[in-house]
Protein backbone atom coordinates (compact mmCIF):
# COMPACT_ATOMS: atom_id res chain seq x y z
CA MET A 1 -23.50 -9.64 5.57
CA THR A 2 -25.30 -6.61 4.08
CA ARG A 3 -28.76 -5.66 5.21
CA LYS A 4 -31.70 -6.16 2.91
CA LYS A 5 -33.16 -2.90 1.66
CA VAL A 6 -36.47 -2.19 3.35
CA THR A 7 -39.45 -1.22 1.22
CA LEU A 8 -41.26 1.75 2.76
CA ALA A 9 -44.77 0.40 2.52
CA TYR A 10 -47.46 -0.66 4.95
CA ILE A 11 -46.95 -4.20 6.26
CA SER A 12 -50.20 -6.07 5.62
CA ASN A 13 -49.38 -9.11 7.75
CA ASP A 14 -50.44 -8.49 11.37
CA ALA A 15 -47.76 -10.64 13.00
CA GLU A 16 -44.94 -9.17 10.92
CA ARG A 17 -46.24 -5.65 11.49
CA LYS A 18 -46.34 -6.13 15.28
CA ALA A 19 -42.84 -7.67 15.35
CA SER A 20 -41.49 -4.81 13.23
CA TYR A 21 -43.16 -2.25 15.53
CA LYS A 22 -41.57 -3.66 18.68
CA LYS A 23 -38.14 -3.90 17.13
CA ARG A 24 -38.19 -0.41 15.61
CA LYS A 25 -39.71 1.19 18.72
CA LYS A 26 -36.83 -0.14 20.79
CA GLY A 27 -34.32 1.08 18.21
CA LEU A 28 -35.94 4.53 18.04
CA ILE A 29 -35.81 5.03 21.82
CA LYS A 30 -32.18 3.88 21.83
CA LYS A 31 -31.29 6.41 19.12
CA VAL A 32 -33.02 9.27 20.96
CA SER A 33 -31.16 8.35 24.15
CA GLU A 34 -27.82 8.29 22.28
CA LEU A 35 -28.58 11.65 20.65
CA SER A 36 -29.37 13.27 23.99
CA THR A 37 -26.32 11.79 25.74
CA LEU A 38 -23.68 12.22 23.05
CA CYS A 39 -24.72 15.65 21.78
CA GLY A 40 -26.09 17.16 25.00
CA VAL A 41 -29.49 18.13 23.57
CA ASP A 42 -32.98 17.97 25.04
CA ALA A 43 -35.04 15.27 23.35
CA CYS A 44 -38.11 13.23 24.05
CA ALA A 45 -40.16 10.55 22.33
CA ILE A 46 -43.88 9.83 22.56
CA ILE A 47 -45.15 6.77 20.72
CA TYR A 48 -48.85 5.81 20.42
CA SER A 49 -49.84 2.43 19.02
CA GLN A 50 -52.69 -0.05 18.98
CA TYR A 51 -50.49 -2.64 20.64
CA ASP A 52 -49.95 -0.75 23.93
CA PRO A 53 -52.73 0.61 26.19
CA GLU A 54 -50.57 3.56 27.25
CA PRO A 55 -48.23 5.61 25.04
CA GLU A 56 -44.51 4.97 25.29
CA VAL A 57 -42.83 8.12 26.70
CA TRP A 58 -39.10 8.73 26.96
CA PRO A 59 -37.36 9.81 29.17
CA SER A 60 -40.36 10.27 31.44
CA PRO A 61 -43.78 11.97 31.29
CA LEU A 62 -42.51 14.98 33.29
CA GLY A 63 -39.37 15.30 31.16
CA ALA A 64 -41.39 15.12 27.95
CA GLN A 65 -43.85 17.77 29.22
CA ALA A 66 -40.98 20.16 30.02
CA ILE A 67 -39.49 19.77 26.53
CA LEU A 68 -42.90 20.23 24.86
CA ALA A 69 -43.56 23.38 26.91
CA ARG A 70 -40.23 24.79 25.78
CA PHE A 71 -41.09 23.94 22.18
CA ARG A 72 -44.49 25.65 22.33
CA LYS A 73 -42.84 28.89 23.40
CA LEU A 74 -41.18 29.16 19.98
CA SER A 75 -42.81 30.98 17.08
CA GLU A 76 -44.68 29.04 14.43
CA MET A 77 -41.93 29.69 11.89
CA ASP A 78 -39.27 28.31 14.21
CA GLN A 79 -41.46 25.36 15.12
CA GLY A 80 -41.97 24.27 11.51
CA ARG A 81 -38.49 25.13 10.18
CA LYS A 82 -37.21 21.52 10.09
CA MET A 83 -40.42 19.70 10.73
CA VAL A 84 -41.59 17.15 8.15
CA ASN A 85 -44.61 14.94 7.76
CA GLN A 86 -45.22 11.96 5.54
CA GLU A 87 -46.05 14.13 2.53
CA SER A 88 -43.03 16.44 2.78
CA PHE A 89 -40.73 13.48 3.46
CA THR A 90 -42.03 11.72 0.35
CA ARG A 91 -41.55 14.86 -1.75
CA GLN A 92 -37.93 15.13 -0.57
CA ARG A 93 -37.25 11.54 -1.56
CA ILE A 94 -38.86 12.06 -4.98
CA LYS A 95 -36.73 15.17 -5.59
CA LYS A 96 -33.58 13.33 -4.56
CA ALA A 97 -34.39 10.42 -6.89
CA ALA A 98 -35.12 12.81 -9.78
CA ASP A 99 -31.77 14.57 -9.31
CA GLN A 100 -29.98 11.24 -9.31
CA LEU A 101 -31.84 10.20 -12.48
CA ARG A 102 -30.80 13.41 -14.29
CA ARG A 103 -27.16 12.91 -13.27
CA LEU A 104 -27.14 9.34 -14.56
CA GLN A 105 -28.79 10.39 -17.81
CA LYS A 106 -26.12 13.05 -18.34
CA GLU A 107 -23.32 10.56 -17.68
CA ASN A 108 -24.83 8.05 -20.11
CA LYS A 109 -25.24 10.74 -22.78
CA CYS A 110 -21.61 11.82 -22.39
CA ARG A 111 -20.42 8.23 -22.74
CA GLU A 112 -22.56 7.75 -25.83
CA LEU A 113 -21.15 10.90 -27.46
CA GLU A 114 -17.61 9.92 -26.51
CA GLY A 115 -18.06 6.54 -28.18
CA PHE A 116 -19.45 8.25 -31.29
CA MET A 117 -16.45 10.61 -31.37
CA PHE A 118 -13.91 7.77 -31.28
CA GLN A 119 -15.84 5.85 -33.93
CA CYS A 120 -15.65 8.91 -36.19
CA ILE A 121 -11.90 9.10 -35.58
CA ASN A 122 -11.50 5.43 -36.49
CA GLY A 123 -13.58 5.93 -39.63
CA THR A 124 -16.39 3.55 -38.71
CA LEU A 125 -18.95 6.40 -38.53
CA THR A 126 -19.38 9.79 -40.20
CA LEU A 127 -20.98 13.07 -39.19
CA ASP A 128 -24.03 12.11 -41.23
CA ASN A 129 -25.09 9.95 -38.28
CA PHE A 130 -24.73 12.83 -35.82
CA ASN A 131 -27.76 14.40 -34.17
CA LEU A 132 -27.51 18.19 -34.34
CA PRO A 133 -29.35 18.87 -31.03
CA ASP A 134 -26.42 17.14 -29.31
CA SER A 135 -23.91 19.69 -30.62
CA SER A 136 -23.43 21.47 -27.30
CA GLU A 137 -22.92 18.21 -25.41
CA MET A 138 -20.51 16.98 -28.09
CA GLY A 139 -18.50 20.19 -27.78
CA TRP A 140 -18.22 19.69 -24.03
CA VAL A 141 -17.14 16.05 -24.52
CA ILE A 142 -14.45 17.03 -27.03
CA ASN A 143 -13.08 19.78 -24.79
CA GLN A 144 -13.06 17.48 -21.78
CA THR A 145 -11.23 14.78 -23.76
CA LEU A 146 -8.61 17.30 -24.91
CA ARG A 147 -8.11 18.47 -21.33
CA ASP A 148 -7.63 14.89 -20.18
CA ILE A 149 -5.08 14.21 -22.94
CA LYS A 150 -3.19 17.41 -22.13
CA SER A 151 -3.12 16.57 -18.45
CA LYS A 152 -1.71 13.09 -19.12
CA MET A 153 0.94 14.52 -21.47
CA GLU A 154 2.02 17.02 -18.84
CA VAL A 155 2.35 14.27 -16.26
CA LYS A 156 4.50 12.17 -18.61
CA MET A 157 6.71 15.15 -19.55
CA THR A 158 7.20 15.98 -15.87
CA ASP A 159 8.25 12.41 -15.14
CA GLN A 160 10.64 12.44 -18.10
CA ARG A 161 12.28 15.72 -17.00
CA ARG A 162 12.62 14.36 -13.48
CA ARG A 163 14.36 11.24 -14.76
CA GLN A 164 16.71 13.28 -16.94
CA ALA A 165 17.61 15.61 -14.07
CA ALA A 166 18.37 12.75 -11.71
CA PRO A 167 22.09 11.87 -11.37
CA PRO A 168 23.21 8.73 -13.21
CA PRO A 169 23.62 5.62 -11.12
CA PRO A 170 27.17 4.87 -9.92
CA PRO A 171 29.20 2.48 -12.08
CA PRO A 172 29.42 -1.11 -10.91
CA PRO A 173 32.52 -2.05 -8.91
CA PRO A 174 35.40 -3.58 -10.92
CA PRO A 175 35.62 -7.35 -10.90
CA GLN A 176 37.99 -8.79 -8.32
CA LEU A 177 40.97 -10.52 -9.98
CA PRO A 178 42.69 -13.52 -8.36
CA PRO A 179 45.97 -12.70 -6.59
CA PRO A 180 49.25 -13.26 -8.50
CA ALA A 181 50.81 -16.70 -8.38
CA ASP A 182 54.05 -15.48 -6.70
CA LEU A 183 52.00 -13.85 -3.91
CA VAL A 184 50.12 -17.10 -3.37
CA ALA A 185 53.43 -19.01 -3.24
CA GLU A 186 54.86 -16.55 -0.72
CA GLU A 187 51.75 -16.85 1.49
CA ASN A 188 52.03 -20.63 1.32
CA MET A 189 55.70 -20.39 2.38
CA GLU A 190 54.70 -18.40 5.46
CA CYS A 191 52.45 -21.28 6.48
CA PHE A 192 55.18 -23.92 5.96
CA PRO A 193 55.97 -25.89 9.21
CA TRP A 194 59.65 -24.99 9.50
CA ASN A 195 59.81 -26.20 13.07
CA LEU A 196 59.50 -29.74 11.77
CA VAL A 197 62.50 -29.43 9.41
CA GLN A 198 66.13 -29.94 10.66
CA SER A 199 69.45 -30.06 8.86
CA PRO A 200 71.67 -33.16 8.65
CA THR A 201 74.44 -33.45 11.26
CA GLY A 202 77.26 -33.92 8.75
CA ALA A 203 78.08 -34.64 5.16
CA GLY A 204 77.18 -38.20 4.32
CA ALA A 205 76.27 -38.93 7.95
CA GLY A 206 72.63 -39.43 7.23
CA GLY A 207 71.79 -38.72 10.86
CA LEU A 208 69.23 -36.29 12.24
CA GLU A 209 69.74 -33.59 14.82
CA GLY A 210 67.10 -33.28 17.59
CA GLY A 211 63.68 -34.80 17.33
CA GLY A 212 62.57 -33.32 13.99
CA LEU A 213 61.40 -35.13 10.93
CA GLY A 214 64.61 -34.38 8.91
CA TRP A 215 64.90 -34.51 5.12
CA ASP A 216 66.63 -36.28 2.33
CA ALA A 217 69.99 -35.14 1.03
CA GLY A 218 68.47 -33.78 -2.15
CA MET A 219 65.62 -31.89 -0.50
CA VAL A 220 64.67 -28.55 -2.08
CA LEU A 221 64.01 -25.59 0.20
CA PRO A 222 61.93 -22.75 -1.26
CA TYR A 223 62.91 -19.07 -1.23
CA PRO A 224 63.97 -17.21 0.96
CA TYR A 225 65.40 -19.87 3.29
CA ILE A 226 68.76 -21.61 2.59
CA PHE A 227 71.17 -23.71 4.62
CA ASN A 228 74.94 -23.50 4.64
CA HIS A 229 76.86 -26.73 4.96
CA SER A 230 78.61 -25.26 7.97
CA SER A 231 75.41 -24.38 9.88
CA SER A 232 71.97 -25.85 10.37
CA THR A 233 70.31 -22.44 10.88
CA PRO A 234 68.16 -21.16 8.02
CA GLN A 235 69.37 -17.88 6.47
CA SER A 236 67.83 -15.56 4.01
CA GLY A 237 69.26 -15.35 0.54
CA ASN A 238 68.46 -14.41 -3.02
CA TYR A 239 67.85 -17.91 -4.33
CA ASP A 240 64.58 -19.32 -5.41
CA ARG A 241 65.59 -22.92 -4.65
CA ILE A 242 68.65 -24.58 -3.05
CA HIS A 243 69.58 -28.26 -3.59
CA PHE A 244 71.60 -30.16 -1.02
CA ASN A 245 73.63 -32.98 -2.53
CA ASN A 246 75.89 -35.50 -0.86
C-alpha cells in the first residue's frame, strides 16, 4: 500500500498536530542515529517544542555541546555552505517544480509537432496551418524522426545479414522404411520352435519318435530346413519348401 502524499502546510488541528509531532520526532531521532552509526559521522539533534518542558537532545547534552563547539570553529562560509532554512528550502522546491514544468511543456510541444507532421504526410493537413515560430522545434522533430527511422532500418538490416550468414539447418532424417518381407520371414523362422517338431519313424508308420508333437505326413517345412527320408535330422538345403508325402 502506497503512502499518501503529505501536504507541507501547518496542521491547524491541535490533536493531529501533536500526534504528528511525536511521530515525526521519533522518526527524526532514529534517522540521525542511523546516519551516525552507518556512515561514521558526528551528528546531534536538538528539538524544542511547546509539548515538552525540556528540549529533546540526542545523543546527550554533553555530546551535542561537543559537536556544536566543533561546528562553531568553522568559518562562516563553511558553516552556511549546505545550510538551509524554510525560505531557501521553499525556493529550491519552486525551482525544481519549474524545471519539471518546462521539461513537460517541451515534451508536449514535440508530440504536438510530431502529430502535425504525420497529418501533413497523410494529407489531412497542409503547411498553411503551421505556425512559423515553431520552425526550429519542427526541424528538430523531423531530424529526430529520421534518426529513429534510420536506427530501426540498421537494426533490421543487421538481423537480416545475420540470418543470411547463419548455416542452413540440417536436412530432416530420411523416413524409415519397413524391412523386406523375406527378412521378416527369415526372422520368424529363427523363432520357430524346432525342438517341438520330430520326424516320423518310418514310411506309412504314422508313429512318433520321442515325446515331441510330431506332424502330419504332408507337413511343409520352411527354408532352410529339410528332412531326408533316411534320417530324422534337419539339414540345410536350397529349397524354399519341402513336402513329405506317404
